[in-house]
Amino acid sequence: MGTKAVSLDINQIIPLVLARAGYERRRLDMGNEGTQILNYFLLRFNFLTDEDVLPTLISLVEAGIAMARQASKSIDPSLRLEKFLSSIVRFLL
């Protein structure tokens, strides 16, 4: 009998998705604003690839929104994932 790592509870899904999305957001910020030396080492050791950070971040948050809606018929009243996604869009503009 297997167990799920995360049950389909909106109060568990949202913080988990936000934590992972925050990590990807920091990778994106570092790629845009980090120092040249730090970026060199991150790229050299394959910790950072600029071309896949943004699509990963967006798809991660979108998947989190879908999982949260699947977990609960009611939406998150504070719209935390949607606000995070809109902050990414504002960051790009």
PDB file of N, CA and C in Angstrom:
ATOM      1  N   MET A   1       0.841  -1.172   0.000  1.00  0.00           N
ATOM      2  CA  MET A   1       0.000   0.000   0.000  1.00  0.00           C
ATOM      3  C   MET A   1       0.892   1.245   0.000  1.00  0.00           C
ATOM      4  N   GLY A   2       0.764   2.089  -1.009  1.00  0.00           N
ATOM      5  CA  GLY A   2       1.603   3.274  -1.114  1.00  0.00           C
ATOM      6  C   GLY A   2       0.984   4.472  -0.425  1.00  0.00           C
ATOM      7  N   THR A   3       1.826   5.413  -0.105  1.00  0.00           N
ATOM      8  CA  THR A   3       1.353   6.658   0.490  1.00  0.00           C
ATOM      9  C   THR A   3       1.745   7.811  -0.400  1.00  0.00           C
ATOM     10  N   LYS A   4       0.942   8.839  -0.380  1.00  0.00           N
ATOM     11  CA  LYS A   4       1.241  10.027  -1.163  1.00  0.00           C
ATOM     12  C   LYS A   4       2.129  10.939  -0.344  1.00  0.00           C
ATOM     13  N   ALA A   5       3.098  11.570  -1.014  1.00  0.00           N
ATOM     14  CA  ALA A   5       3.983  12.504  -0.312  1.00  0.00           C
ATOM     15  C   ALA A   5       3.198  13.735   0.121  1.00  0.00           C
ATOM     16  N   VAL A   6       2.298  14.184  -0.729  1.00  0.00           N
ATOM     17  CA  VAL A   6       1.472  15.341  -0.408  1.00  0.00           C
ATOM     18  C   VAL A   6       0.025  14.955  -0.667  1.00  0.00           C
ATOM     19  N   SER A   7      -0.792  15.060   0.335  1.00  0.00           N
ATOM     20  CA  SER A   7      -2.200  14.768   0.134  1.00  0.00           C
ATOM     21  C   SER A   7      -2.823  15.928  -0.633  1.00  0.00           C
ATOM     22  N   LEU A   8      -3.958  15.684  -1.206  1.00  0.00           N
ATOM     23  CA  LEU A   8      -4.619  16.726  -1.975  1.00  0.00           C
ATOM     24  C   LEU A   8      -5.361  17.674  -1.040  1.00  0.00           C
ATOM     25  N   ASP A   9      -4.605  18.440  -0.294  1.00  0.00           N
ATOM     26  CA  ASP A   9      -5.143  19.441   0.611  1.00  0.00           C
ATOM     27  C   ASP A   9      -4.595  20.791   0.168  1.00  0.00           C
ATOM     28  N   ILE A  10      -5.474  21.724  -0.102  1.00  0.00           N
ATOM     29  CA  ILE A  10      -5.061  23.022  -0.621  1.00  0.00           C
ATOM     30  C   ILE A  10      -4.091  23.731   0.320  1.00  0.00           C
ATOM     31  N   ASN A  11      -4.226  23.521   1.621  1.00  0.00           N
ATOM     32  CA  ASN A  11      -3.346  24.162   2.594  1.00  0.00           C
ATOM     33  C   ASN A  11      -1.955  23.540   2.641  1.00  0.00           C
ATOM     34  N   GLN A  12      -1.777  22.398   2.012  1.00  0.00           N
ATOM     35  CA  GLN A  12      -0.454  21.789   1.882  1.00  0.00           C
ATOM     36  C   GLN A  12       0.134  22.044   0.498  1.00  0.00           C
ATOM     37  N   ILE A  13      -0.710  22.064  -0.502  1.00  0.00           N
ATOM     38  CA  ILE A  13      -0.242  22.242  -1.876  1.00  0.00           C
ATOM     39  C   ILE A  13       0.332  23.640  -2.095  1.00  0.00           C
ATOM     40  N   ILE A  14      -0.389  24.663  -1.669  1.00  0.00           N
ATOM     41  CA  ILE A  14       0.015  26.041  -1.962  1.00  0.00           C
ATOM     42  C   ILE A  14       1.380  26.388  -1.376  1.00  0.00           C
ATOM     43  N   PRO A  15       1.654  26.125  -0.097  1.00  0.00           N
ATOM     44  CA  PRO A  15       2.998  26.447   0.420  1.00  0.00           C
ATOM     45  C   PRO A  15       4.113  25.655  -0.268  1.00  0.00           C
ATOM     46  N   LEU A  16       3.809  24.407  -0.634  1.00  0.00           N
ATOM     47  CA  LEU A  16       4.801  23.594  -1.321  1.00  0.00           C
ATOM     48  C   LEU A  16       5.122  24.174  -2.696  1.00  0.00           C
ATOM     49  N   VAL A  17       4.099  24.534  -3.445  1.00  0.00           N
ATOM     50  CA  VAL A  17       4.300  25.111  -4.777  1.00  0.00           C
ATOM     51  C   VAL A  17       5.008  26.464  -4.667  1.00  0.00           C
ATOM     52  N   LEU A  18       4.621  27.276  -3.690  1.00  0.00           N
ATOM     53  CA  LEU A  18       5.262  28.581  -3.512  1.00  0.00           C
ATOM     54  C   LEU A  18       6.733  28.442  -3.142  1.00  0.00           C
ATOM     55  N   ALA A  19       7.071  27.446  -2.350  1.00  0.00           N
ATOM     56  CA  ALA A  19       8.473  27.229  -1.990  1.00  0.00           C
ATOM     57  C   ALA A  19       9.299  26.851  -3.211  1.00  0.00           C
ATOM     58  N   ARG A  20       8.786  25.932  -3.988  1.00  0.00           N
ATOM     59  CA  ARG A  20       9.512  25.506  -5.199  1.00  0.00           C
ATOM     60  C   ARG A  20       9.569  26.633  -6.226  1.00  0.00           C
ATOM     61  N   ALA A  21       8.472  27.357  -6.388  1.00  0.00           N
ATOM     62  CA  ALA A  21       8.443  28.477  -7.331  1.00  0.00           C
ATOM     63  C   ALA A  21       9.379  29.591  -6.866  1.00  0.00           C
ATOM     64  N   GLY A  22       9.489  29.789  -5.559  1.00  0.00           N
ATOM     65  CA  GLY A  22      10.410  30.780  -5.030  1.00  0.00           C
ATOM     66  C   GLY A  22      11.854  30.437  -5.362  1.00  0.00           C
ATOM     67  N   TYR A  23      12.178  29.160  -5.303  1.00  0.00           N
ATOM     68  CA  TYR A  23      13.511  28.706  -5.697  1.00  0.00           C
ATOM     69  C   TYR A  23      13.778  29.038  -7.170  1.00  0.00           C
ATOM     70  N   GLU A  24      12.815  28.711  -8.033  1.00  0.00           N
ATOM     71  CA  GLU A  24      12.986  28.997  -9.458  1.00  0.00           C
ATOM     72  C   GLU A  24      13.051  30.505  -9.712  1.00  0.00           C
ATOM     73  N   ARG A  25      12.282  31.277  -8.952  1.00  0.00           N
ATOM     74  CA  ARG A  25      12.305  32.736  -9.096  1.00  0.00           C
ATOM     75  C   ARG A  25      13.681  33.292  -8.718  1.00  0.00           C
ATOM     76  N   ARG A  26      14.279  32.758  -7.655  1.00  0.00           N
ATOM     77  CA  ARG A  26      15.622  33.196  -7.271  1.00  0.00           C
ATOM     78  C   ARG A  26      16.633  32.838  -8.345  1.00  0.00           C
ATOM     79  N   ARG A  27      16.466  31.681  -8.983  1.00  0.00           N
ATOM     80  CA  ARG A  27      17.355  31.315 -10.100  1.00  0.00           C
ATOM     81  C   ARG A  27      17.208  32.303 -11.239  1.00  0.00           C
ATOM     82  N   LEU A  28      15.975  32.703 -11.514  1.00  0.00           N
ATOM     83  CA  LEU A  28      15.722  33.670 -12.579  1.00  0.00           C
ATOM     84  C   LEU A  28      16.320  35.023 -12.224  1.00  0.00           C
ATOM     85  N   ASP A  29      16.127  35.465 -10.991  1.00  0.00           N
ATOM     86  CA  ASP A  29      16.687  36.740 -10.548  1.00  0.00           C
ATOM     87  C   ASP A  29      18.209  36.725 -10.606  1.00  0.00           C
ATOM     88  N   MET A  30      18.799  35.621 -10.218  1.00  0.00           N
ATOM     89  CA  MET A  30      20.245  35.520 -10.234  1.00  0.00           C
ATOM     90  C   MET A  30      20.781  35.572 -11.659  1.00  0.00           C
ATOM     91  N   GLY A  31      20.057  34.979 -12.576  1.00  0.00           N
ATOM     92  CA  GLY A  31      20.475  35.009 -13.967  1.00  0.00           C
ATOM     93  C   GLY A  31      20.414  36.400 -14.546  1.00  0.00           C
ATOM     94  N   ASN A  32      19.495  37.232 -14.071  1.00  0.00           N
ATOM     95  CA  ASN A  32      19.350  38.573 -14.601  1.00  0.00           C
ATOM     96  C   ASN A  32      20.168  39.613 -13.853  1.00  0.00           C
ATOM     97  N   GLU A  33      20.357  39.432 -12.540  1.00  0.00           N
ATOM     98  CA  GLU A  33      20.986  40.469 -11.740  1.00  0.00           C
ATOM     99  C   GLU A  33      22.254  40.016 -11.032  1.00  0.00           C
ATOM    100  N   GLY A  34      22.594  38.736 -11.119  1.00  0.00           N
ATOM    101  CA  GLY A  34      23.757  38.234 -10.398  1.00  0.00           C
ATOM    102  C   GLY A  34      25.053  38.760 -10.975  1.00  0.00           C
ATOM    103  N   THR A  35      26.110  38.596 -10.216  1.00  0.00           N
ATOM    104  CA  THR A  35      27.408  39.042 -10.699  1.00  0.00           C
ATOM    105  C   THR A  35      27.910  38.102 -11.782  1.00  0.00           C
ATOM    106  N   GLN A  36      28.816  38.587 -12.580  1.00  0.00           N
ATOM    107  CA  GLN A  36      29.333  37.777 -13.682  1.00  0.00           C
ATOM    108  C   GLN A  36      30.097  36.567 -13.180  1.00  0.00           C
ATOM    109  N   ILE A  37      30.845  36.715 -12.094  1.00  0.00           N
ATOM    110  CA  ILE A  37      31.629  35.594 -11.566  1.00  0.00           C
ATOM    111  C   ILE A  37      30.717  34.493 -11.054  1.00  0.00           C
ATOM    112  N   LEU A  38      29.703  34.865 -10.280  1.00  0.00           N
ATOM    113  CA  LEU A  38      28.782  33.867  -9.748  1.00  0.00           C
ATOM    114  C   LEU A  38      28.044  33.164 -10.881  1.00  0.00           C
ATOM    115  N   ASN A  39      27.573  33.915 -11.855  1.00  0.00           N
ATOM    116  CA  ASN A  39      26.879  33.305 -12.993  1.00  0.00           C
ATOM    117  C   ASN A  39      27.794  32.371 -13.770  1.00  0.00           C
ATOM    118  N   TYR A  40      29.065  32.745 -13.893  1.00  0.00           N
ATOM    119  CA  TYR A  40      30.014  31.885 -14.593  1.00  0.00           C
ATOM    120  C   TYR A  40      30.087  30.514 -13.921  1.00  0.00           C
ATOM    121  N   PHE A  41      30.236  30.509 -12.593  1.00  0.00           N
ATOM    122  CA  PHE A  41      30.349  29.236 -11.883  1.00  0.00           C
ATOM    123  C   PHE A  41      29.048  28.448 -11.923  1.00  0.00           C
ATOM    124  N   LEU A  42      27.927  29.123 -11.820  1.00  0.00           N
ATOM    125  CA  LEU A  42      26.646  28.414 -11.883  1.00  0.00           C
ATOM    126  C   LEU A  42      26.433  27.790 -13.251  1.00  0.00           C
ATOM    127  N   LEU A  43      26.771  28.524 -14.304  1.00  0.00           N
ATOM    128  CA  LEU A  43      26.639  27.978 -15.658  1.00  0.00           C
ATOM    129  C   LEU A  43      27.663  26.868 -15.903  1.00  0.00           C
ATOM    130  N   ARG A  44      28.860  27.053 -15.384  1.00  0.00           N
ATOM    131  CA  ARG A  44      29.942  26.084 -15.584  1.00  0.00           C
ATOM    132  C   ARG A  44      29.585  24.728 -14.994  1.00  0.00           C
ATOM    133  N   PHE A  45      28.946  24.725 -13.849  1.00  0.00           N
ATOM    134  CA  PHE A  45      28.627  23.473 -13.173  1.00  0.00           C
ATOM    135  C   PHE A  45      27.167  23.061 -13.367  1.00  0.00           C
ATOM    136  N   ASN A  46      26.526  23.615 -14.393  1.00  0.00           N
ATOM    137  CA  ASN A  46      25.169  23.235 -14.800  1.00  0.00           C
ATOM    138  C   ASN A  46      24.114  23.429 -13.720  1.00  0.00           C
ATOM    139  N   PHE A  47      24.270  24.430 -12.875  1.00  0.00           N
ATOM    140  CA  PHE A  47      23.244  24.739 -11.887  1.00  0.00           C
ATOM    141  C   PHE A  47      22.245  25.751 -12.426  1.00  0.00           C
ATOM    142  N   LEU A  48      22.600  26.419 -13.476  1.00  0.00           N
ATOM    143  CA  LEU A  48      21.738  27.476 -13.987  1.00  0.00           C
ATOM    144  C   LEU A  48      21.799  27.461 -15.504  1.00  0.00           C
ATOM    145  N   THR A  49      20.666  27.332 -16.134  1.00  0.00           N
ATOM    146  CA  THR A  49      20.580  27.515 -17.575  1.00  0.00           C
ATOM    147  C   THR A  49      19.462  28.512 -17.816  1.00  0.00           C
ATOM    148  N   ASP A  50      19.806  29.637 -18.360  1.00  0.00           N
ATOM    149  CA  ASP A  50      18.855  30.722 -18.509  1.00  0.00           C
ATOM    150  C   ASP A  50      17.646  30.353 -19.355  1.00  0.00           C
ATOM    151  N   GLU A  51      17.834  29.487 -20.341  1.00  0.00           N
ATOM    152  CA  GLU A  51      16.727  29.227 -21.260  1.00  0.00           C
ATOM    153  C   GLU A  51      15.620  28.373 -20.677  1.00  0.00           C
ATOM    154  N   ASP A  52      15.862  27.646 -19.597  1.00  0.00           N
ATOM    155  CA  ASP A  52      14.806  26.791 -19.069  1.00  0.00           C
ATOM    156  C   ASP A  52      14.221  27.249 -17.737  1.00  0.00           C
ATOM    157  N   VAL A  53      14.749  28.288 -17.141  1.00  0.00           N
ATOM    158  CA  VAL A  53      14.261  28.728 -15.830  1.00  0.00           C
ATOM    159  C   VAL A  53      12.849  29.306 -15.926  1.00  0.00           C
ATOM    160  N   LEU A  54      12.621  30.225 -16.834  1.00  0.00           N
ATOM    161  CA  LEU A  54      11.316  30.871 -16.937  1.00  0.00           C
ATOM    162  C   LEU A  54      10.200  29.901 -17.330  1.00  0.00           C
ATOM    163  N   PRO A  55      10.378  29.071 -18.358  1.00  0.00           N
ATOM    164  CA  PRO A  55       9.300  28.109 -18.665  1.00  0.00           C
ATOM    165  C   PRO A  55       9.022  27.138 -17.518  1.00  0.00           C
ATOM    166  N   THR A  56      10.062  26.723 -16.811  1.00  0.00           N
ATOM    167  CA  THR A  56       9.875  25.843 -15.665  1.00  0.00           C
ATOM    168  C   THR A  56       9.075  26.543 -14.578  1.00  0.00           C
ATOM    169  N   LEU A  57       9.411  27.783 -14.307  1.00  0.00           N
ATOM    170  CA  LEU A  57       8.729  28.557 -13.275  1.00  0.00           C
ATOM    171  C   LEU A  57       7.253  28.739 -13.593  1.00  0.00           C
ATOM    172  N   ILE A  58       6.953  29.134 -14.806  1.00  0.00           N
ATOM    173  CA  ILE A  58       5.556  29.369 -15.198  1.00  0.00           C
ATOM    174  C   ILE A  58       4.758  28.069 -15.179  1.00  0.00           C
ATOM    175  N   SER A  59       5.313  27.004 -15.736  1.00  0.00           N
ATOM    176  CA  SER A  59       4.575  25.736 -15.761  1.00  0.00           C
ATOM    177  C   SER A  59       4.390  25.174 -14.363  1.00  0.00           C
ATOM    178  N   LEU A  60       5.355  25.407 -13.486  1.00  0.00           N
ATOM    179  CA  LEU A  60       5.240  24.951 -12.110  1.00  0.00           C
ATOM    180  C   LEU A  60       4.079  25.631 -11.394  1.00  0.00           C
ATOM    181  N   VAL A  61       3.980  26.941 -11.529  1.00  0.00           N
ATOM    182  CA  VAL A  61       2.894  27.678 -10.863  1.00  0.00           C
ATOM    183  C   VAL A  61       1.547  27.315 -11.488  1.00  0.00           C
ATOM    184  N   GLU A  62       1.487  27.185 -12.811  1.00  0.00           N
ATOM    185  CA  GLU A  62       0.240  26.791 -13.457  1.00  0.00           C
ATOM    186  C   GLU A  62      -0.205  25.396 -13.009  1.00  0.00           C
ATOM    187  N   ALA A  63       0.735  24.473 -12.880  1.00  0.00           N
ATOM    188  CA  ALA A  63       0.400  23.126 -12.404  1.00  0.00           C
ATOM    189  C   ALA A  63      -0.071  23.175 -10.952  1.00  0.00           C
ATOM    190  N   GLY A  64       0.543  24.044 -10.162  1.00  0.00           N
ATOM    191  CA  GLY A  64       0.118  24.210  -8.777  1.00  0.00           C
ATOM    192  C   GLY A  64      -1.296  24.747  -8.675  1.00  0.00           C
ATOM    193  N   ILE A  65      -1.633  25.687  -9.540  1.00  0.00           N
ATOM    194  CA  ILE A  65      -2.996  26.230  -9.566  1.00  0.00           C
ATOM    195  C   ILE A  65      -3.989  25.127  -9.923  1.00  0.00           C
ATOM    196  N   ALA A  66      -3.633  24.318 -10.909  1.00  0.00           N
ATOM    197  CA  ALA A  66      -4.515  23.213 -11.305  1.00  0.00           C
ATOM    198  C   ALA A  66      -4.668  22.195 -10.176  1.00  0.00           C
ATOM    199  N   MET A  67      -3.571  21.873  -9.488  1.00  0.00           N
ATOM    200  CA  MET A  67      -3.646  20.928  -8.377  1.00  0.00           C
ATOM    201  C   MET A  67      -4.491  21.487  -7.234  1.00  0.00           C
ATOM    202  N   ALA A  68      -4.349  22.766  -6.952  1.00  0.00           N
ATOM    203  CA  ALA A  68      -5.124  23.389  -5.867  1.00  0.00           C
ATOM    204  C   ALA A  68      -6.612  23.385  -6.204  1.00  0.00           C
ATOM    205  N   ARG A  69      -6.939  23.643  -7.458  1.00  0.00           N
ATOM    206  CA  ARG A  69      -8.355  23.623  -7.860  1.00  0.00           C
ATOM    207  C   ARG A  69      -8.913  22.215  -7.850  1.00  0.00           C
ATOM    208  N   GLN A  70      -8.067  21.249  -8.150  1.00  0.00           N
ATOM    209  CA  GLN A  70      -8.503  19.853  -8.109  1.00  0.00           C
ATOM    210  C   GLN A  70      -8.702  19.396  -6.662  1.00  0.00           C
ATOM    211  N   ALA A  71      -7.890  19.915  -5.758  1.00  0.00           N
ATOM    212  CA  ALA A  71      -7.953  19.500  -4.356  1.00  0.00           C
ATOM    213  C   ALA A  71      -9.166  20.050  -3.634  1.00  0.00           C
ATOM    214  N   SER A  72      -9.618  21.213  -4.043  1.00  0.00           N
ATOM    215  CA  SER A  72     -10.714  21.845  -3.328  1.00  0.00           C
ATOM    216  C   SER A  72     -11.629  22.551  -4.315  1.00  0.00           C
ATOM    217  N   LYS A  73     -12.909  22.400  -4.098  1.00  0.00           N
ATOM    218  CA  LYS A  73     -13.873  23.087  -4.963  1.00  0.00           C
ATOM    219  C   LYS A  73     -13.839  24.595  -4.729  1.00  0.00           C
ATOM    220  N   SER A  74     -13.513  24.982  -3.498  1.00  0.00           N
ATOM    221  CA  SER A  74     -13.383  26.415  -3.222  1.00  0.00           C
ATOM    222  C   SER A  74     -11.964  26.850  -3.575  1.00  0.00           C
ATOM    223  N   ILE A  75     -11.837  28.078  -3.958  1.00  0.00           N
ATOM    224  CA  ILE A  75     -10.519  28.590  -4.324  1.00  0.00           C
ATOM    225  C   ILE A  75      -9.815  29.111  -3.083  1.00  0.00           C
ATOM    226  N   ASP A  76      -8.521  29.317  -3.213  1.00  0.00           N
ATOM    227  CA  ASP A  76      -7.750  29.943  -2.145  1.00  0.00           C
ATOM    228  C   ASP A  76      -8.214  31.393  -2.050  1.00  0.00           C
ATOM    229  N   PRO A  77      -8.759  31.817  -0.919  1.00  0.00           N
ATOM    230  CA  PRO A  77      -9.323  33.175  -0.825  1.00  0.00           C
ATOM    231  C   PRO A  77      -8.300  34.284  -1.053  1.00  0.00           C
ATOM    232  N   SER A  78      -7.041  34.025  -0.728  1.00  0.00           N
ATOM    233  CA  SER A  78      -6.043  35.076  -0.930  1.00  0.00           C
ATOM    234  C   SER A  78      -5.339  34.965  -2.287  1.00  0.00           C
ATOM    235  N   LEU A  79      -5.694  33.973  -3.082  1.00  0.00           N
ATOM    236  CA  LEU A  79      -5.154  33.795  -4.443  1.00  0.00           C
ATOM    237  C   LEU A  79      -3.620  33.873  -4.469  1.00  0.00           C
ATOM    238  N   ARG A  80      -2.976  33.155  -3.582  1.00  0.00           N
ATOM    239  CA  ARG A  80      -1.519  33.236  -3.451  1.00  0.00           C
ATOM    240  C   ARG A  80      -0.773  32.804  -4.705  1.00  0.00           C
ATOM    241  N   LEU A  81      -1.193  31.707  -5.321  1.00  0.00           N
ATOM    242  CA  LEU A  81      -0.504  31.246  -6.528  1.00  0.00           C
ATOM    243  C   LEU A  81      -0.744  32.180  -7.703  1.00  0.00           C
ATOM    244  N   GLU A  82      -1.960  32.661  -7.815  1.00  0.00           N
ATOM    245  CA  GLU A  82      -2.274  33.589  -8.907  1.00  0.00           C
ATOM    246  C   GLU A  82      -1.500  34.903  -8.751  1.00  0.00           C
ATOM    247  N   LYS A  83      -1.359  35.371  -7.527  1.00  0.00           N
ATOM    248  CA  LYS A  83      -0.571  36.589  -7.283  1.00  0.00           C
ATOM    249  C   LYS A  83       0.900  36.364  -7.605  1.00  0.00           C
ATOM    250  N   PHE A  84       1.411  35.193  -7.270  1.00  0.00           N
ATOM    251  CA  PHE A  84       2.804  34.880  -7.590  1.00  0.00           C
ATOM    252  C   PHE A  84       3.004  34.867  -9.095  1.00  0.00           C
ATOM    253  N   LEU A  85       2.070  34.256  -9.824  1.00  0.00           N
ATOM    254  CA  LEU A  85       2.166  34.213 -11.283  1.00  0.00           C
ATOM    255  C   LEU A  85       2.102  35.613 -11.878  1.00  0.00           C
ATOM    256  N   SER A  86       1.242  36.467 -11.351  1.00  0.00           N
ATOM    257  CA  SER A  86       1.164  37.832 -11.867  1.00  0.00           C
ATOM    258  C   SER A  86       2.436  38.614 -11.543  1.00  0.00           C
ATOM    259  N   SER A  87       3.103  38.311 -10.436  1.00  0.00           N
ATOM    260  CA  SER A  87       4.358  38.996 -10.124  1.00  0.00           C
ATOM    261  C   SER A  87       5.449  38.612 -11.119  1.00  0.00           C
ATOM    262  N   ILE A  88       5.390  37.394 -11.622  1.00  0.00           N
ATOM    263  CA  ILE A  88       6.349  36.965 -12.649  1.00  0.00           C
ATOM    264  C   ILE A  88       6.112  37.752 -13.929  1.00  0.00           C
ATOM    265  N   VAL A  89       4.863  37.911 -14.302  1.00  0.00           N
ATOM    266  CA  VAL A  89       4.527  38.657 -15.515  1.00  0.00           C
ATOM    267  C   VAL A  89       4.976  40.118 -15.376  1.00  0.00           C
ATOM    268  N   ARG A  90       4.715  40.712 -14.207  1.00  0.00           N
ATOM    269  CA  ARG A  90       5.162  42.093 -13.971  1.00  0.00           C
ATOM    270  C   ARG A  90       6.679  42.192 -14.016  1.00  0.00           C
ATOM    271  N   PHE A  91       7.371  41.180 -13.550  1.00  0.00           N
ATOM    272  CA  PHE A  91       8.827  41.145 -13.575  1.00  0.00           C
ATOM    273  C   PHE A  91       9.342  41.166 -15.024  1.00  0.00           C
ATOM    274  N   LEU A  92       8.622  40.509 -15.919  1.00  0.00           N
ATOM    275  CA  LEU A  92       9.048  40.416 -17.311  1.00  0.00           C
ATOM    276  C   LEU A  92       8.770  41.678 -18.101  1.00  0.00           C
ATOM    277  N   LEU A  93       7.783  42.446 -17.690  1.00  0.00           N
ATOM    278  CA  LEU A  93       7.405  43.649 -18.441  1.00  0.00           C
ATOM    279  C   LEU A  93       8.228  44.825 -18.102  1.00  0.00           C
TER     280      LEU A  93
END
